[in-house]
Protein backbone atom coordinates (compact mmCIF):
# COMPACT_ATOMS: atom_id res chain seq x y z
CA MET A 1 0.00 0.00 0.00
CA ALA A 2 1.32 3.45 -0.94
CA ALA A 3 2.19 5.86 1.84
CA THR A 4 -0.57 8.34 2.68
CA TYR A 5 -0.31 12.07 3.44
CA LEU A 6 -0.41 11.26 7.15
CA ASP A 7 2.21 8.50 6.84
CA ASN A 8 4.63 10.83 5.09
CA ILE A 9 4.08 13.75 7.46
CA LEU A 10 4.43 11.60 10.57
CA ALA A 11 7.56 9.90 9.22
CA PHE A 12 9.09 13.33 8.64
CA HIS A 13 8.29 14.55 12.16
CA ARG A 14 9.41 11.35 13.87
CA GLU A 15 12.71 11.40 12.00
CA ARG A 16 13.26 15.02 12.96
CA ALA A 17 12.50 14.20 16.61
CA ALA A 18 14.96 11.30 16.50
CA ASN A 19 17.67 13.69 15.29
CA ASP A 20 16.86 16.39 17.86
CA GLU A 21 19.72 16.51 20.34
CA ARG A 22 18.06 18.91 22.77
CA SER A 23 17.25 17.51 26.19
CA GLU A 24 13.94 17.94 27.99
CA ALA A 25 15.87 19.48 30.88
CA TRP A 26 17.24 22.19 28.58
CA LEU A 27 13.73 22.99 27.31
CA HIS A 28 12.35 23.14 30.85
CA GLU A 29 15.09 25.62 31.75
CA ALA A 30 14.31 27.69 28.66
CA ILE A 31 10.62 27.80 29.65
CA THR A 32 11.51 28.88 33.18
CA SER A 33 13.74 31.65 31.82
CA ALA A 34 11.05 32.87 29.42
CA MET A 35 8.49 33.00 32.24
CA ALA A 36 10.86 34.96 34.44
CA ALA A 37 11.57 37.45 31.65
CA ASP A 38 7.91 38.04 30.76
CA PRO A 39 5.69 36.50 33.45
CA LEU A 40 2.41 38.08 32.33
CA ASN A 41 2.54 37.19 28.64
CA SER A 42 3.99 33.73 29.28
CA LEU A 43 0.99 32.58 31.32
CA PRO A 44 -1.37 30.22 29.43
CA ARG A 45 -4.59 32.00 28.51
CA GLY A 46 -7.03 29.12 29.00
CA PHE A 47 -7.95 27.72 25.60
CA ALA A 48 -10.66 25.30 26.75
CA ASN A 49 -12.24 27.87 29.07
CA ALA A 50 -12.61 30.29 26.17
CA LEU A 51 -14.80 27.74 24.39
CA ALA A 52 -17.03 26.88 27.36
CA ASN A 53 -19.67 29.50 26.58
CA ASP A 54 -23.24 29.56 25.36
CA GLY A 55 -23.53 29.51 21.61
CA LEU A 56 -21.03 28.32 19.03
CA SER A 57 -17.45 29.49 19.48
CA VAL A 58 -15.10 29.92 16.52
CA ILE A 59 -11.45 28.87 16.47
CA SER A 60 -10.00 30.78 13.52
CA GLU A 61 -6.92 29.38 11.86
CA VAL A 62 -3.80 31.08 10.53
CA LYS A 63 -3.00 28.79 7.62
CA ARG A 64 -0.76 29.55 4.66
CA ARG A 65 -1.09 26.35 2.63
CA SER A 66 -2.20 22.72 2.72
CA PRO A 67 -0.59 19.58 1.30
CA SER A 68 -3.65 18.80 -0.81
CA LYS A 69 -4.54 22.29 -2.11
CA GLY A 70 -1.20 24.09 -2.13
CA ASP A 71 -1.00 27.79 -1.33
CA LEU A 72 -4.05 29.36 0.30
CA PHE A 73 -2.59 32.68 1.49
CA ALA A 74 1.17 32.15 1.40
CA GLY A 75 2.03 35.79 2.08
CA LEU A 76 -0.29 36.42 4.98
CA ASP A 77 0.76 38.57 7.92
CA PRO A 78 -0.09 36.45 10.99
CA ALA A 79 -0.53 39.50 13.24
CA GLU A 80 -2.94 41.22 10.83
CA VAL A 81 -4.93 38.02 10.28
CA ALA A 82 -5.11 37.37 14.02
CA GLN A 83 -6.38 40.90 14.69
CA SER A 84 -8.99 40.52 11.97
CA TYR A 85 -10.15 37.26 13.54
CA GLN A 86 -10.39 38.88 16.96
CA ARG A 87 -12.41 41.81 15.59
CA GLY A 88 -14.75 39.30 13.99
CA GLY A 89 -15.42 37.65 17.33
CA ALA A 90 -13.23 34.54 17.27
CA ALA A 91 -12.87 32.87 20.68
CA CYS A 92 -9.46 31.33 19.96
CA LEU A 93 -6.77 31.09 17.31
CA SER A 94 -5.20 28.07 15.68
CA VAL A 95 -1.77 28.58 14.11
CA LEU A 96 0.00 26.09 11.86
CA THR A 97 3.67 25.78 12.79
CA ASP A 98 4.55 22.95 10.38
CA THR A 99 6.87 24.51 7.80
CA GLU A 100 7.49 21.72 5.33
CA HIS A 101 3.87 20.71 4.66
CA PHE A 102 1.78 23.75 5.64
CA GLY A 103 4.17 26.68 5.25
CA GLY A 104 3.81 27.69 8.91
CA SER A 105 6.44 28.52 11.51
CA THR A 106 7.09 29.16 15.16
CA MET A 107 7.18 32.88 14.41
CA ASP A 108 3.70 32.72 12.90
CA LEU A 109 2.43 31.62 16.30
CA VAL A 110 4.59 34.08 18.25
CA ASN A 111 3.50 37.02 16.09
CA ALA A 112 -0.18 36.06 15.99
CA ARG A 113 -0.40 35.58 19.75
CA ALA A 114 1.41 38.85 20.48
CA ALA A 115 -1.08 40.77 18.33
CA VAL A 116 -4.22 39.68 20.24
CA ASP A 117 -5.35 38.52 23.66
CA LEU A 118 -6.96 35.29 22.42
CA PRO A 119 -5.76 31.82 23.46
CA VAL A 120 -3.81 30.00 20.74
CA ILE A 121 -3.40 26.35 19.83
CA ARG A 122 -0.20 25.19 18.21
CA LYS A 123 -1.51 23.23 15.20
CA ASP A 124 1.18 20.69 14.38
CA PHE A 125 1.95 16.99 14.47
CA THR A 126 2.92 16.16 18.05
CA VAL A 127 5.05 13.00 18.08
CA ASP A 128 7.54 13.68 20.87
CA ARG A 129 7.48 15.11 24.41
CA ARG A 130 9.72 17.94 23.24
CA ASP A 131 7.04 19.05 20.79
CA ILE A 132 4.85 19.89 23.80
CA LEU A 133 7.69 21.65 25.58
CA ASP A 134 8.37 23.61 22.39
CA ALA A 135 4.70 24.62 22.26
CA ARG A 136 4.92 25.96 25.81
CA LEU A 137 8.17 27.76 25.02
CA MET A 138 6.78 29.51 21.94
CA GLY A 139 3.78 30.71 23.93
CA ALA A 140 1.03 28.32 22.84
CA ASP A 141 -1.91 27.83 25.19
CA CYS A 142 -2.97 24.47 23.77
CA VAL A 143 -1.46 21.59 21.81
CA LEU A 144 -2.98 19.23 19.27
CA LEU A 145 -2.85 15.49 19.94
CA ILE A 146 -4.02 13.42 16.97
CA VAL A 147 -5.29 10.03 18.12
CA ALA A 148 -4.57 8.46 14.72
CA ALA A 149 -0.91 9.48 15.04
CA LEU A 150 -0.28 8.20 18.57
CA ASN A 151 -0.46 4.95 20.48
CA ASP A 152 -2.28 4.82 23.81
CA ASP A 153 0.91 5.21 25.86
CA GLU A 154 1.90 8.31 23.90
CA LEU A 155 -1.60 9.73 24.15
CA ASN A 156 -1.66 9.34 27.92
CA GLU A 157 1.90 10.56 28.41
CA PHE A 158 1.53 13.61 26.18
CA SER A 159 -1.81 14.55 27.73
CA GLU A 160 -0.29 14.43 31.20
CA LEU A 161 2.76 16.49 30.18
CA ALA A 162 0.49 19.14 28.67
CA ARG A 163 -1.45 19.34 31.94
CA GLN A 164 1.77 19.63 33.95
CA LEU A 165 2.82 22.57 31.76
CA GLY A 166 -0.54 24.32 32.16
CA LEU A 167 -1.54 23.68 28.55
CA ASP A 168 -4.85 22.42 27.25
CA ALA A 169 -4.81 19.58 24.74
CA LEU A 170 -7.25 19.33 21.85
CA VAL A 171 -7.44 15.59 21.24
CA GLU A 172 -8.39 15.06 17.62
CA THR A 173 -10.46 12.06 16.52
CA HIS A 174 -12.08 10.78 13.34
CA ASP A 175 -14.50 8.09 14.52
CA GLU A 176 -16.16 6.59 17.57
CA ALA A 177 -13.27 4.24 18.35
CA GLU A 178 -10.85 7.16 18.47
CA VAL A 179 -13.22 9.12 20.70
CA GLU A 180 -13.18 6.16 23.09
CA ARG A 181 -9.38 6.26 23.16
CA ALA A 182 -9.42 10.02 23.75
CA VAL A 183 -11.82 9.64 26.68
CA ALA A 184 -9.68 6.86 28.14
CA ALA A 185 -6.73 9.27 28.10
CA GLY A 186 -8.73 11.79 30.14
CA ALA A 187 -9.49 14.21 27.31
CA ASN A 188 -11.99 16.96 28.11
CA LEU A 189 -11.47 18.85 24.83
CA ILE A 190 -12.25 16.52 21.94
CA GLY A 191 -12.16 17.40 18.26
CA VAL A 192 -13.69 15.53 15.34
CA ASN A 193 -11.81 16.22 12.15
CA GLN A 194 -14.04 15.88 9.11
CA ARG A 195 -10.95 15.67 6.91
CA ASP A 196 -9.71 12.14 6.43
CA LEU A 197 -5.99 12.33 7.21
CA VAL A 198 -5.33 9.36 4.93
CA THR A 199 -6.95 10.80 1.79
CA PHE A 200 -7.35 14.45 2.91
CA GLU A 201 -10.92 14.33 1.57
CA VAL A 202 -13.62 16.05 3.66
CA ASP A 203 -16.77 14.25 4.83
CA THR A 204 -19.14 16.97 6.00
CA ASN A 205 -21.38 14.46 7.80
CA ARG A 206 -18.62 12.89 9.89
CA ALA A 207 -18.81 15.27 12.84
CA VAL A 208 -22.59 14.90 13.13
CA ARG A 209 -22.29 11.09 13.11
CA VAL A 210 -19.54 10.98 15.73
CA ARG A 211 -20.93 13.65 18.09
CA GLU A 212 -22.99 11.22 20.17
CA ALA A 213 -19.83 9.33 21.16
CA ILE A 214 -18.38 12.41 22.91
CA PRO A 215 -19.31 12.53 26.63
CA ALA A 216 -21.59 15.31 27.80
CA GLY A 217 -18.92 16.78 30.08
CA ALA A 218 -16.37 17.28 27.30
CA ILE A 219 -16.03 20.33 25.05
CA ALA A 220 -16.71 19.17 21.49
CA VAL A 221 -14.96 20.81 18.54
CA ALA A 222 -15.74 20.18 14.87
CA GLU A 223 -12.76 20.61 12.58
CA SER A 224 -12.53 21.10 8.79
CA GLY A 225 -15.22 21.38 6.17
CA VAL A 226 -16.91 24.53 7.49
CA GLN A 227 -17.48 26.73 4.46
CA GLY A 228 -19.92 29.18 6.01
CA PRO A 229 -22.77 29.80 8.47
CA GLU A 230 -24.94 26.98 7.11
CA ASP A 231 -22.29 24.35 7.86
CA ALA A 232 -21.61 25.90 11.27
CA ALA A 233 -25.33 25.93 12.12
CA ILE A 234 -25.61 22.21 11.41
CA LEU A 235 -22.69 21.49 13.71
CA SER A 236 -24.09 23.74 16.42
CA GLU A 237 -27.42 21.95 16.21
CA ALA A 238 -25.57 18.63 16.53
CA GLY A 239 -24.20 19.81 19.87
CA TYR A 240 -20.75 21.14 19.09
CA HIS A 241 -19.39 23.89 21.31
CA ALA A 242 -16.92 25.17 18.71
CA VAL A 243 -15.80 24.92 15.10
CA LEU A 244 -12.21 25.18 13.93
CA VAL A 245 -12.15 26.96 10.57
CA GLY A 246 -9.15 27.69 8.37
CA GLU A 247 -9.35 27.55 4.58
CA SER A 248 -12.66 29.36 4.14
CA LEU A 249 -11.45 32.21 6.39
CA VAL A 250 -7.94 32.80 5.05
CA THR A 251 -9.28 32.79 1.47
CA ALA A 252 -12.25 35.08 2.20
CA ASP A 253 -12.31 38.59 0.74
CA ASP A 254 -13.52 39.91 4.10
CA THR A 255 -11.86 37.83 6.81
CA GLU A 256 -13.38 39.76 9.70
CA GLY A 257 -16.85 39.53 8.20
CA ALA A 258 -16.48 35.82 7.50
CA VAL A 259 -15.71 35.16 11.18
CA ARG A 260 -18.56 37.41 12.31
CA ALA A 261 -21.00 35.50 10.10
CA LEU A 262 -20.05 32.27 11.88
CA VAL A 263 -20.28 33.82 15.34
CA ASN A 264 -23.63 35.50 14.75
CA LEU A 265 -25.62 32.44 13.75
């Protein structure tokens, strides 16, 4: 069987982690130094708490490109886009930091977060404990843990490390079996990605089908496939607390207005 998008991306990140000579102790010291230098701005902003409101919250994504579609907005200014999202009423930001496959960077996250007061998730492929430490060091408030990319030991270990660092973890699933694994790892912020990470095709009914598997006490996030208010309204009706939206926002003529249309359902 030919390697999929996900196979190739994960192989790249695992190889890079294997060649990373930095120690966890060094990263912990770097985090401590950063907090001492700027204690106010280095405090996590509470990603999950920002989504625990009445109505549908919007997580707006800073996304330059995708492996399947190529460039979306390669020359975007992350600070300007983040400010536009905040003006539109976004509850949180998502920032791609994967350079090789999505055109993102650490500085995209740093600059976006500095421009607003919204919590930010580092959107990347977490395969190593140091990825979570890096997220904390760059100022992220939340990390992404993809169930399909991790075994149960990794899922539990990474979730616990995120908690120890004061970070939330959005645990991303694609079906009921993955939701069960997320719940077993103690996840209280569970995403359902409507994009199949094997084919990168979007199934706009996936989130509705899987929603019932998510426990009532967890914050449910629908990811991918939201093209406008009609899609968002369906997901809200299905019981989702938030939608994570990227491509339709960064390619919109009026980014602020596109976010506002999702918020004001």
